[in-house]
Amino acid sequence: MIALLGAAHWAGQPTIDWHALAPEIVIVATIALMIIIDIVLLERARAVISAVASIGLLASLIPIITLATSSDTAREMFGGGYVVNRPILLLKAMFIVAGYVVVLLSTNYVADGDYWESEYYTLLMSSILGMTVMASSHDLIGIFVALELLSIPAYMLAGWRKRDLKTNEAGLKYYLMGVFASAILLYGMSLLYGVAGTTDLAGIGTAISGGHGGPAITLAIVFVVVGFGFKVSAVPFHNWAPDTYEGAPTPVTAFLAVASKAAGFVALINVVFYAFAGRSNVVTPVIFVLSALSMTVGNVIALRQSNVIRMLAYSGIAQAGFILAPFAVATQQRSVSLSAVIVYLVIYSAMNLGAFAVVIAVARKTRSAEIDSMNGLFTYAPGLTVAMTIFLASFIGIPPLGGWYAKFGVMSSLIGAHTGWGYALSIFFAVNTAIAAAYYLRVAKAMWFEEPADGDTSRIVIPAALRSALVITVAATLLFGVLPNLLSRAASVALGI
């Protein structure tokens, strides 16, 4: 925010649109209130801090709704470096709702452990703030500040269980790889600024279009895409993800796998669709390689996993490849590709958070995330079994669940581009969707047809917060599949298509 205010001063535009900044202001106010409550109440704050975080996130949705229904939905501040429009509001709403579900997942998990809860939720809210700022940032400085704002709290959350060796390894690996990726990204941004003479994305797009900049711009584009490739855990920048996901607290893993990954894709949307649109000769091959490798390597390695969380980690790598695919045809299918990416991100967030909610619920009884620990789940937790089956079927893309529509949108953008890159990626997409079905169905088989490993068929007690998270994610997964026009119309209205 300091960097953006400085940019506003340099640009001679001190006027601030407080309504456009209202979602971020509400989140900042919530963070400040949580800190004050922690200082005043100390240990007694544990009872209320998660509720304060939840209320703050829900309250931040109010200005998003008022902005979306306003006649003046396209707003710019800080010399065009901070933009608020309907597509951005849709993405911010996704981040906030995903953050709210993560708070629900965390409520009992954190309360049952030896954690200082105020710090946990403060870091979580700070990372969500970085994501909302990222969505509106159309300036290299703003993007980098937002990236660090969302990443640094995430590094600390990944290593939250300080006395657990796996958690320490997860946090350290995530931090070191994150710093390395940030350095590469910053170097690429410096090259962009050196050639274009501006940090504004639109200005960069104008300056580098038509082949201007030579090898320096090619190197800059590759470095920037690589930097964000780490955030979305694209192959070959994925090595941190499985160990980090397994070692981090499970709600944090859900947060990293959904909200943090989505923020990386939003940053890619901003740079690919606005700054690099005129250099498809560089962007398309790079994205093609990342997408094809991610979906293939992620799915093949996921086949061998015996731990559900590691399986979901490699599944997330494959899903990153699916989401990257429309970027490869962004030049030919700009609006369709952008709509496909946004729709996939929203549906992926719902079904992935739901899958982690089931894993957390089952682990409360079994104390394990091994696939074998889910054997015979239907005999003592039929509701959880049905919910997990819905999420797994949605991952595969079986109608009428949300995943089918997400995959349909990606495939339509690839085939509709009528390019060799698009046709080739559509083949990778179809083959890898079939491969993914094998390991998703293995989990379903364990739940429905296997006998419980330890013979214990006592029921699982699901806390109210976790039950609420399951209801939200199941409802969203079903709704987006049965009534896909709701989401597609929202994306179309947002994009003006």
Protein backbone atom coordinates (compact mmCIF):
# COMPACT_ATOMS: atom_id res chain seq x y z
CA MET A 1 0.00 0.00 0.00
CA ILE A 2 2.88 2.38 0.80
CA ALA A 3 4.34 1.74 -2.65
CA LEU A 4 0.98 2.42 -4.29
CA LEU A 5 0.49 5.65 -2.34
CA GLY A 6 3.96 6.70 -3.41
CA ALA A 7 3.12 5.96 -7.02
CA ALA A 8 -0.01 8.10 -6.67
CA HIS A 9 2.08 11.00 -5.40
CA TRP A 10 4.58 10.70 -8.26
CA ALA A 11 1.76 10.52 -10.79
CA GLY A 12 0.21 13.68 -9.38
CA GLN A 13 -3.08 11.90 -8.56
CA PRO A 14 -3.57 12.16 -4.78
CA THR A 15 -7.33 11.43 -5.00
CA ILE A 16 -8.23 8.09 -3.43
CA ASP A 17 -11.47 6.25 -4.15
CA TRP A 18 -12.32 5.03 -0.67
CA HIS A 19 -15.28 2.98 -1.91
CA ALA A 20 -13.02 1.04 -4.29
CA LEU A 21 -10.57 0.41 -1.44
CA ALA A 22 -13.30 -0.51 1.05
CA PRO A 23 -12.75 -4.34 0.94
CA GLU A 24 -9.09 -3.90 1.79
CA ILE A 25 -9.88 -1.29 4.44
CA VAL A 26 -12.33 -3.67 6.16
CA ILE A 27 -9.70 -6.44 6.20
CA VAL A 28 -7.04 -4.06 7.57
CA ALA A 29 -9.47 -2.88 10.26
CA THR A 30 -10.22 -6.49 11.17
CA ILE A 31 -6.49 -7.27 11.49
CA ALA A 32 -6.03 -4.21 13.73
CA LEU A 33 -9.01 -5.25 15.88
CA MET A 34 -7.63 -8.78 16.24
CA ILE A 35 -4.27 -7.42 17.40
CA ILE A 36 -5.97 -5.15 19.95
CA ILE A 37 -8.13 -8.01 21.25
CA ASP A 38 -5.02 -10.19 21.56
CA ILE A 39 -3.16 -7.50 23.53
CA VAL A 40 -6.08 -6.77 25.86
CA LEU A 41 -7.56 -10.23 26.43
CA LEU A 42 -4.41 -12.37 26.04
CA GLU A 43 -5.38 -16.04 26.61
CA ARG A 44 -9.09 -15.17 26.72
CA ALA A 45 -8.87 -14.00 23.09
CA ARG A 46 -8.77 -17.65 21.97
CA ALA A 47 -12.54 -17.91 22.41
CA VAL A 48 -13.43 -15.04 20.08
CA ILE A 49 -10.60 -14.49 17.62
CA SER A 50 -11.81 -16.92 14.94
CA ALA A 51 -15.28 -15.36 15.09
CA VAL A 52 -13.76 -11.90 14.63
CA ALA A 53 -11.84 -13.13 11.56
CA SER A 54 -14.98 -14.71 10.10
CA ILE A 55 -17.10 -11.61 10.65
CA GLY A 56 -14.39 -9.39 9.16
CA LEU A 57 -14.19 -11.50 6.00
CA LEU A 58 -17.97 -11.56 5.57
CA ALA A 59 -18.11 -7.80 6.18
CA SER A 60 -15.53 -7.22 3.43
CA LEU A 61 -17.94 -8.84 0.96
CA ILE A 62 -20.44 -5.99 1.48
CA PRO A 63 -18.41 -3.32 -0.36
CA ILE A 64 -17.62 -5.86 -3.09
CA ILE A 65 -21.36 -6.32 -3.65
CA THR A 66 -22.02 -2.57 -3.62
CA LEU A 67 -19.17 -1.97 -6.05
CA ALA A 68 -20.38 -4.73 -8.38
CA THR A 69 -23.89 -3.26 -8.48
CA SER A 70 -22.66 0.31 -8.91
CA SER A 71 -23.07 2.01 -12.28
CA ASP A 72 -19.42 3.08 -12.15
CA THR A 73 -17.74 -0.31 -11.82
CA ALA A 74 -14.48 0.51 -13.62
CA ARG A 75 -12.32 2.56 -11.26
CA GLU A 76 -8.64 3.39 -11.45
CA MET A 77 -6.30 4.89 -8.89
CA PHE A 78 -2.61 5.62 -8.53
CA GLY A 79 -2.05 6.43 -12.17
CA GLY A 80 -3.76 3.25 -13.38
CA GLY A 81 -1.68 1.06 -11.06
CA TYR A 82 -4.71 -0.02 -9.01
CA VAL A 83 -7.81 -1.09 -10.92
CA VAL A 84 -11.22 -2.18 -9.67
CA ASN A 85 -13.74 -3.64 -12.11
CA ARG A 86 -16.19 -6.54 -12.21
CA PRO A 87 -13.70 -9.31 -13.09
CA ILE A 88 -11.44 -8.14 -10.27
CA LEU A 89 -14.35 -7.96 -7.84
CA LEU A 90 -15.30 -11.56 -8.74
CA LEU A 91 -11.74 -12.69 -8.00
CA LYS A 92 -11.65 -10.77 -4.72
CA ALA A 93 -14.92 -12.38 -3.67
CA MET A 94 -13.40 -15.79 -4.44
CA PHE A 95 -10.36 -15.05 -2.26
CA ILE A 96 -12.49 -13.83 0.63
CA VAL A 97 -14.96 -16.73 0.52
CA ALA A 98 -12.07 -19.21 0.27
CA GLY A 99 -10.44 -17.49 3.24
CA TYR A 100 -13.71 -17.72 5.19
CA VAL A 101 -13.92 -21.47 4.51
CA VAL A 102 -10.29 -21.87 5.66
CA VAL A 103 -11.18 -20.07 8.90
CA LEU A 104 -14.01 -22.58 9.38
CA LEU A 105 -11.57 -25.44 8.75
CA SER A 106 -9.12 -23.93 11.21
CA THR A 107 -11.45 -23.14 14.11
CA ASN A 108 -11.39 -26.51 15.89
CA TYR A 109 -8.10 -27.69 14.39
CA VAL A 110 -6.20 -24.75 15.87
CA ALA A 111 -8.17 -24.72 19.12
CA ASP A 112 -7.35 -28.40 19.72
CA GLY A 113 -3.64 -27.87 19.19
CA ASP A 114 -0.98 -26.02 21.16
CA TYR A 115 -1.20 -22.83 19.13
CA TRP A 116 -1.45 -19.13 19.87
CA GLU A 117 -4.60 -18.56 17.85
CA SER A 118 -4.44 -14.77 17.49
CA GLU A 119 -1.18 -14.92 15.57
CA TYR A 120 -2.52 -17.67 13.31
CA TYR A 121 -5.61 -15.74 12.23
CA THR A 122 -3.72 -12.46 11.95
CA LEU A 123 -1.25 -14.07 9.54
CA LEU A 124 -4.10 -15.70 7.62
CA MET A 125 -5.95 -12.38 7.26
CA SER A 126 -2.74 -10.61 6.20
CA SER A 127 -2.20 -13.14 3.44
CA ILE A 128 -5.81 -12.70 2.25
CA LEU A 129 -5.22 -8.93 2.20
CA GLY A 130 -2.24 -9.49 -0.10
CA MET A 131 -4.45 -11.54 -2.43
CA THR A 132 -7.09 -8.81 -2.73
CA VAL A 133 -4.40 -6.23 -3.42
CA MET A 134 -2.87 -8.57 -6.02
CA ALA A 135 -6.16 -8.77 -7.91
CA SER A 136 -6.27 -5.00 -8.41
CA SER A 137 -2.56 -4.39 -9.03
CA HIS A 138 -1.78 -3.42 -12.61
CA ASP A 139 1.70 -2.17 -11.83
CA LEU A 140 4.87 -4.19 -11.29
CA ILE A 141 5.55 -2.50 -7.94
CA GLY A 142 2.05 -3.21 -6.67
CA ILE A 143 2.17 -6.81 -7.88
CA PHE A 144 5.47 -7.50 -6.14
CA VAL A 145 4.39 -5.82 -2.88
CA ALA A 146 1.13 -7.82 -2.93
CA LEU A 147 3.02 -11.03 -3.67
CA GLU A 148 5.28 -10.55 -0.66
CA LEU A 149 2.36 -9.54 1.53
CA LEU A 150 0.56 -12.79 0.78
CA SER A 151 3.70 -14.96 0.76
CA ILE A 152 5.52 -13.99 3.97
CA PRO A 153 2.57 -14.85 6.28
CA ALA A 154 2.12 -18.09 4.29
CA TYR A 155 5.76 -19.05 4.98
CA MET A 156 5.14 -18.63 8.70
CA LEU A 157 1.85 -20.53 8.59
CA ALA A 158 3.48 -23.46 6.78
CA GLY A 159 5.89 -23.89 9.70
CA TRP A 160 3.27 -23.29 12.38
CA ARG A 161 3.78 -26.54 14.35
CA LYS A 162 7.15 -25.48 15.69
CA ARG A 163 7.90 -28.76 17.51
CA ASP A 164 7.12 -30.97 14.52
CA LEU A 165 10.13 -31.86 12.35
CA LYS A 166 8.00 -32.36 9.22
CA THR A 167 6.42 -28.95 9.73
CA ASN A 168 9.83 -27.33 10.19
CA GLU A 169 10.98 -28.94 6.96
CA ALA A 170 7.81 -27.79 5.19
CA GLY A 171 8.18 -24.20 6.32
CA LEU A 172 11.90 -24.01 5.54
CA LYS A 173 11.53 -25.57 2.09
CA TYR A 174 8.62 -23.29 1.21
CA TYR A 175 10.51 -20.22 2.44
CA LEU A 176 13.78 -20.97 0.63
CA MET A 177 12.07 -21.83 -2.65
CA GLY A 178 9.81 -18.80 -2.30
CA VAL A 179 12.73 -16.42 -1.79
CA PHE A 180 14.54 -17.92 -4.77
CA ALA A 181 11.44 -17.53 -6.96
CA SER A 182 10.94 -13.94 -5.77
CA ALA A 183 14.51 -13.11 -6.76
CA ILE A 184 13.96 -14.51 -10.26
CA LEU A 185 10.66 -12.65 -10.56
CA LEU A 186 12.19 -9.37 -9.41
CA TYR A 187 15.04 -9.72 -11.89
CA GLY A 188 12.54 -10.28 -14.70
CA MET A 189 10.56 -7.23 -13.59
CA SER A 190 13.71 -5.10 -13.54
CA LEU A 191 14.44 -6.12 -17.14
CA LEU A 192 10.89 -5.19 -18.12
CA TYR A 193 11.25 -1.80 -16.51
CA GLY A 194 14.66 -1.27 -18.08
CA VAL A 195 13.31 -1.83 -21.60
CA ALA A 196 9.81 -0.33 -21.25
CA GLY A 197 10.72 2.58 -18.98
CA THR A 198 7.54 2.11 -16.93
CA THR A 199 6.12 -0.26 -14.33
CA ASP A 200 2.54 0.09 -15.59
CA LEU A 201 1.32 -3.12 -17.25
CA ALA A 202 -0.49 -1.34 -20.07
CA GLY A 203 2.57 0.78 -20.75
CA ILE A 204 4.79 -2.30 -20.77
CA GLY A 205 2.42 -4.00 -23.21
CA THR A 206 2.64 -1.04 -25.59
CA ALA A 207 6.42 -0.77 -25.27
CA ILE A 208 7.25 -4.42 -25.94
CA SER A 209 4.65 -5.20 -28.62
CA GLY A 210 5.81 -5.80 -32.16
CA GLY A 211 9.06 -7.45 -31.17
CA HIS A 212 10.63 -4.45 -29.45
CA GLY A 213 13.21 -5.16 -26.77
CA GLY A 214 14.89 -8.15 -28.35
CA PRO A 215 16.44 -10.92 -26.24
CA ALA A 216 16.17 -8.86 -23.04
CA ILE A 217 12.37 -8.92 -23.19
CA THR A 218 12.33 -12.63 -23.99
CA LEU A 219 14.47 -13.29 -20.90
CA ALA A 220 12.28 -10.95 -18.82
CA ILE A 221 9.07 -12.72 -19.84
CA VAL A 222 10.56 -16.14 -19.08
CA PHE A 223 11.78 -15.00 -15.65
CA VAL A 224 8.43 -13.44 -14.72
CA VAL A 225 6.48 -16.52 -15.79
CA VAL A 226 8.93 -18.76 -13.90
CA GLY A 227 8.52 -16.63 -10.76
CA PHE A 228 4.77 -17.04 -10.82
CA GLY A 229 5.14 -20.68 -11.87
CA PHE A 230 6.50 -21.31 -8.37
CA LYS A 231 3.41 -19.80 -6.75
CA VAL A 232 1.07 -22.04 -8.77
CA SER A 233 3.37 -25.08 -8.27
CA ALA A 234 3.83 -25.68 -11.98
CA VAL A 235 6.38 -28.28 -13.09
CA PRO A 236 9.40 -28.02 -12.86
CA PHE A 237 8.93 -25.54 -9.98
CA HIS A 238 6.74 -27.88 -7.95
CA ASN A 239 9.22 -29.69 -5.69
CA TRP A 240 8.24 -27.69 -2.62
CA ALA A 241 4.53 -28.49 -2.83
CA PRO A 242 4.20 -32.18 -1.76
CA ASP A 243 6.48 -31.90 1.29
CA THR A 244 5.04 -28.54 2.30
CA TYR A 245 1.46 -29.73 1.93
CA GLU A 246 2.13 -32.88 3.97
CA GLY A 247 4.09 -31.14 6.73
CA ALA A 248 2.00 -28.00 7.18
CA PRO A 249 -1.16 -27.98 9.33
CA THR A 250 -3.97 -29.32 7.14
CA PRO A 251 -6.03 -26.06 7.08
CA VAL A 252 -2.88 -24.21 6.01
CA THR A 253 -2.35 -26.81 3.30
CA ALA A 254 -5.89 -26.16 2.07
CA PHE A 255 -5.15 -22.44 2.09
CA LEU A 256 -1.92 -22.85 0.13
CA ALA A 257 -3.49 -25.29 -2.32
CA VAL A 258 -6.44 -23.03 -3.11
CA ALA A 259 -6.21 -19.35 -2.20
CA SER A 260 -2.44 -18.92 -2.51
CA LYS A 261 -2.36 -20.80 -5.81
CA ALA A 262 -5.30 -18.76 -7.12
CA ALA A 263 -3.43 -15.55 -6.27
CA GLY A 264 -0.52 -16.72 -8.41
CA PHE A 265 -2.89 -17.32 -11.30
CA VAL A 266 -4.43 -13.87 -10.85
CA ALA A 267 -0.95 -12.35 -11.10
CA LEU A 268 -0.37 -14.39 -14.27
CA ILE A 269 -3.68 -13.11 -15.65
CA ASN A 270 -2.55 -9.53 -15.08
CA VAL A 271 0.85 -9.91 -16.75
CA VAL A 272 -0.06 -12.33 -19.56
CA PHE A 273 -3.32 -10.73 -20.66
CA TYR A 274 -2.27 -7.09 -20.21
CA ALA A 275 1.53 -6.77 -20.38
CA PHE A 276 2.58 -9.71 -22.59
CA ALA A 277 -0.37 -9.81 -25.00
CA GLY A 278 1.80 -8.59 -27.86
CA ARG A 279 4.52 -11.21 -27.33
CA SER A 280 2.62 -14.44 -27.87
CA ASN A 281 5.66 -15.81 -29.73
CA VAL A 282 7.41 -16.01 -26.35
CA VAL A 283 4.51 -16.53 -23.93
CA THR A 284 2.74 -19.33 -25.82
CA PRO A 285 5.66 -21.83 -25.98
CA VAL A 286 6.61 -21.20 -22.34
CA ILE A 287 3.04 -21.67 -21.11
CA PHE A 288 2.59 -24.72 -23.34
CA VAL A 289 5.61 -26.46 -21.80
CA LEU A 290 4.58 -25.56 -18.23
CA SER A 291 1.00 -26.70 -18.78
CA ALA A 292 1.84 -29.99 -20.51
CA LEU A 293 4.54 -30.90 -17.98
CA SER A 294 2.42 -29.94 -14.97
CA MET A 295 -0.64 -31.95 -15.90
CA THR A 296 1.39 -34.98 -16.97
CA VAL A 297 3.99 -35.14 -14.18
CA GLY A 298 1.43 -34.25 -11.50
CA ASN A 299 -0.98 -36.99 -12.53
CA VAL A 300 1.63 -39.71 -13.08
CA ILE A 301 3.25 -39.18 -9.68
CA ALA A 302 -0.15 -38.89 -7.96
CA LEU A 303 -0.87 -42.46 -9.09
CA ARG A 304 1.84 -43.74 -6.73
CA GLN A 305 0.82 -41.86 -3.59
CA SER A 306 -0.52 -43.63 -0.51
CA ASN A 307 -1.16 -40.44 1.47
CA VAL A 308 -4.30 -38.43 0.64
CA ILE A 309 -2.68 -35.05 1.24
CA ARG A 310 0.33 -35.86 -0.96
CA MET A 311 -2.08 -37.19 -3.57
CA LEU A 312 -4.01 -33.92 -3.44
CA ALA A 313 -0.70 -32.04 -3.67
CA TYR A 314 0.24 -33.77 -6.92
CA SER A 315 -3.37 -33.47 -8.05
CA GLY A 316 -3.04 -29.72 -7.45
CA ILE A 317 0.07 -29.66 -9.64
CA ALA A 318 -1.91 -31.37 -12.40
CA GLN A 319 -4.81 -28.99 -11.90
CA ALA A 320 -2.37 -26.09 -12.26
CA GLY A 321 -1.49 -27.50 -15.67
CA PHE A 322 -5.17 -27.60 -16.60
CA ILE A 323 -5.67 -23.97 -15.52
CA LEU A 324 -2.52 -22.85 -17.35
CA ALA A 325 -3.75 -24.28 -20.66
CA PRO A 326 -6.02 -21.34 -21.66
CA PHE A 327 -3.10 -18.94 -21.18
CA ALA A 328 -1.43 -20.58 -24.20
CA VAL A 329 -4.27 -19.38 -26.48
CA ALA A 330 -4.84 -16.04 -24.78
CA THR A 331 -4.02 -14.10 -27.95
CA GLN A 332 -6.55 -15.92 -30.14
CA GLN A 333 -9.26 -16.37 -27.49
CA ARG A 334 -8.74 -13.53 -25.01
CA SER A 335 -12.20 -13.24 -23.44
CA VAL A 336 -13.02 -16.95 -23.71
CA SER A 337 -9.67 -17.95 -22.22
CA LEU A 338 -9.95 -15.45 -19.38
CA SER A 339 -13.47 -16.65 -18.61
CA ALA A 340 -12.29 -20.29 -18.63
CA VAL A 341 -9.49 -19.51 -16.17
CA ILE A 342 -11.77 -17.60 -13.77
CA VAL A 343 -14.49 -20.27 -13.87
CA TYR A 344 -11.96 -23.06 -13.28
CA LEU A 345 -10.40 -21.19 -10.35
CA VAL A 346 -13.77 -20.70 -8.65
CA ILE A 347 -14.89 -24.31 -9.09
CA TYR A 348 -11.46 -25.70 -8.19
CA SER A 349 -11.50 -23.66 -4.97
CA ALA A 350 -14.85 -25.15 -3.94
CA MET A 351 -14.06 -28.80 -4.62
CA ASN A 352 -10.49 -28.70 -3.31
CA LEU A 353 -11.43 -26.98 -0.05
CA GLY A 354 -14.21 -29.53 0.33
CA ALA A 355 -11.82 -32.44 -0.14
CA PHE A 356 -9.49 -31.05 2.54
CA ALA A 357 -12.49 -30.54 4.85
CA VAL A 358 -13.29 -34.26 4.58
CA VAL A 359 -9.64 -35.19 5.23
CA ILE A 360 -9.61 -33.01 8.36
CA ALA A 361 -12.88 -34.55 9.59
CA VAL A 362 -11.67 -38.12 9.07
CA ALA A 363 -8.26 -37.39 10.60
CA ARG A 364 -9.96 -36.25 13.82
CA LYS A 365 -10.79 -39.92 14.39
CA THR A 366 -8.03 -41.83 12.60
CA ARG A 367 -5.13 -39.42 13.28
CA SER A 368 -3.88 -40.31 9.82
CA ALA A 369 -4.07 -39.00 6.26
CA GLU A 370 -3.17 -42.32 4.64
CA ILE A 371 -5.58 -43.58 2.01
CA ASP A 372 -5.87 -46.83 4.00
CA SER A 373 -7.24 -44.84 6.95
CA MET A 374 -10.30 -44.07 4.82
CA ASN A 375 -11.08 -47.77 4.27
CA GLY A 376 -14.72 -48.55 4.95
CA LEU A 377 -15.60 -44.92 5.67
CA PHE A 378 -19.12 -45.45 4.37
CA THR A 379 -19.88 -47.93 7.18
CA TYR A 380 -19.49 -45.32 9.94
CA ALA A 381 -19.53 -41.92 8.17
CA PRO A 382 -21.83 -42.14 5.14
CA GLY A 383 -22.28 -38.39 4.94
CA LEU A 384 -18.54 -37.75 4.70
CA THR A 385 -18.23 -40.56 2.16
CA VAL A 386 -20.89 -39.05 -0.08
CA ALA A 387 -19.33 -35.60 0.24
CA MET A 388 -15.85 -36.87 -0.64
CA THR A 389 -17.28 -38.85 -3.56
CA ILE A 390 -18.87 -35.65 -4.88
CA PHE A 391 -15.53 -33.85 -4.73
CA LEU A 392 -13.61 -36.72 -6.34
CA ALA A 393 -16.19 -37.05 -9.14
CA SER A 394 -15.99 -33.30 -9.69
CA PHE A 395 -12.18 -33.52 -9.97
CA ILE A 396 -12.65 -36.16 -12.66
CA GLY A 397 -15.20 -34.00 -14.47
CA ILE A 398 -18.30 -36.18 -14.14
CA PRO A 399 -21.58 -34.30 -14.76
CA PRO A 400 -23.57 -32.81 -13.14
CA LEU A 401 -20.84 -31.68 -10.75
CA GLY A 402 -18.93 -28.42 -11.10
CA GLY A 403 -15.72 -29.96 -12.40
CA TRP A 404 -17.28 -30.96 -15.71
CA TYR A 405 -18.10 -27.36 -16.55
CA ALA A 406 -14.64 -26.14 -15.57
CA LYS A 407 -13.04 -28.71 -17.87
CA PHE A 408 -15.54 -27.98 -20.62
CA GLY A 409 -14.60 -24.29 -20.53
CA VAL A 410 -10.89 -25.03 -20.81
CA MET A 411 -11.38 -27.51 -23.64
CA SER A 412 -13.63 -25.07 -25.52
CA SER A 413 -11.01 -22.33 -25.31
CA LEU A 414 -8.27 -24.66 -26.56
CA ILE A 415 -10.21 -26.09 -29.50
CA GLY A 416 -11.86 -22.79 -30.35
CA ALA A 417 -8.48 -21.10 -30.80
CA HIS A 418 -7.88 -23.21 -33.98
CA THR A 419 -4.13 -23.30 -33.43
CA GLY A 420 -1.63 -26.13 -33.23
CA TRP A 421 -0.76 -25.16 -29.65
CA GLY A 422 -4.43 -25.35 -28.66
CA TYR A 423 -5.07 -28.69 -30.37
CA ALA A 424 -1.94 -30.23 -28.84
CA LEU A 425 -2.85 -29.06 -25.34
CA SER A 426 -6.42 -30.35 -25.76
CA ILE A 427 -4.95 -33.82 -26.35
CA PHE A 428 -2.77 -33.53 -23.24
CA PHE A 429 -5.83 -32.30 -21.35
CA ALA A 430 -8.03 -35.24 -22.38
CA VAL A 431 -5.40 -37.92 -21.73
CA ASN A 432 -4.49 -36.53 -18.33
CA THR A 433 -8.12 -36.24 -17.29
CA ALA A 434 -8.40 -40.00 -17.88
CA ILE A 435 -5.17 -40.67 -15.94
CA ALA A 436 -6.40 -38.59 -12.99
CA ALA A 437 -9.57 -40.69 -12.74
CA ALA A 438 -7.47 -43.69 -11.67
CA TYR A 439 -6.21 -42.27 -8.40
CA TYR A 440 -9.43 -40.42 -7.56
CA LEU A 441 -11.39 -43.66 -8.01
CA ARG A 442 -8.86 -45.51 -5.81
CA VAL A 443 -9.86 -43.28 -2.89
CA ALA A 444 -13.55 -43.81 -3.68
CA LYS A 445 -12.99 -47.59 -3.76
CA ALA A 446 -11.33 -47.49 -0.34
CA MET A 447 -14.25 -45.57 1.18
CA TRP A 448 -17.07 -47.61 -0.34
CA PHE A 449 -15.81 -51.17 -0.71
CA GLU A 450 -12.95 -51.82 1.73
CA GLU A 451 -13.29 -52.92 5.34
CA PRO A 452 -12.16 -50.51 8.08
CA ALA A 453 -8.46 -51.10 8.71
CA ASP A 454 -8.70 -51.24 12.53
CA GLY A 455 -12.28 -52.50 12.79
CA ASP A 456 -13.31 -49.30 14.60
CA THR A 457 -16.69 -48.18 13.25
CA SER A 458 -17.52 -45.57 15.89
CA ARG A 459 -19.05 -42.45 14.41
CA ILE A 460 -17.06 -39.31 13.63
CA VAL A 461 -18.09 -36.19 15.53
CA ILE A 462 -17.92 -33.24 13.16
CA PRO A 463 -17.72 -29.78 14.81
CA ALA A 464 -20.18 -27.11 13.68
CA ALA A 465 -17.55 -24.99 11.92
CA LEU A 466 -16.23 -27.94 9.93
CA ARG A 467 -19.78 -29.02 9.10
CA SER A 468 -20.51 -25.51 7.79
CA ALA A 469 -17.43 -25.64 5.56
CA LEU A 470 -18.59 -28.98 4.14
CA VAL A 471 -22.09 -27.64 3.46
CA ILE A 472 -20.72 -24.57 1.65
CA THR A 473 -18.29 -26.53 -0.53
CA VAL A 474 -20.71 -29.35 -1.38
CA ALA A 475 -23.44 -26.82 -2.25
CA ALA A 476 -21.07 -24.81 -4.46
CA THR A 477 -19.75 -27.92 -6.24
CA LEU A 478 -23.29 -29.12 -6.97
CA LEU A 479 -24.68 -25.70 -7.86
CA PHE A 480 -21.93 -24.83 -10.35
CA GLY A 481 -22.45 -28.18 -12.06
CA VAL A 482 -26.25 -28.27 -12.14
CA LEU A 483 -26.66 -24.57 -12.94
CA PRO A 484 -23.43 -23.62 -14.72
CA ASN A 485 -25.09 -20.57 -16.25
CA LEU A 486 -24.95 -18.89 -12.85
CA LEU A 487 -21.17 -18.84 -12.89
CA SER A 488 -20.71 -18.42 -16.63
CA ARG A 489 -23.16 -15.51 -16.69
CA ALA A 490 -21.36 -13.87 -13.78
CA ALA A 491 -18.03 -14.27 -15.59
CA SER A 492 -19.53 -13.03 -18.88
CA VAL A 493 -21.07 -9.96 -17.23
CA ALA A 494 -17.82 -9.29 -15.42
CA LEU A 495 -15.81 -9.52 -18.64
CA GLY A 496 -18.37 -7.69 -20.74
CA ILE A 497 -18.83 -10.55 -23.21
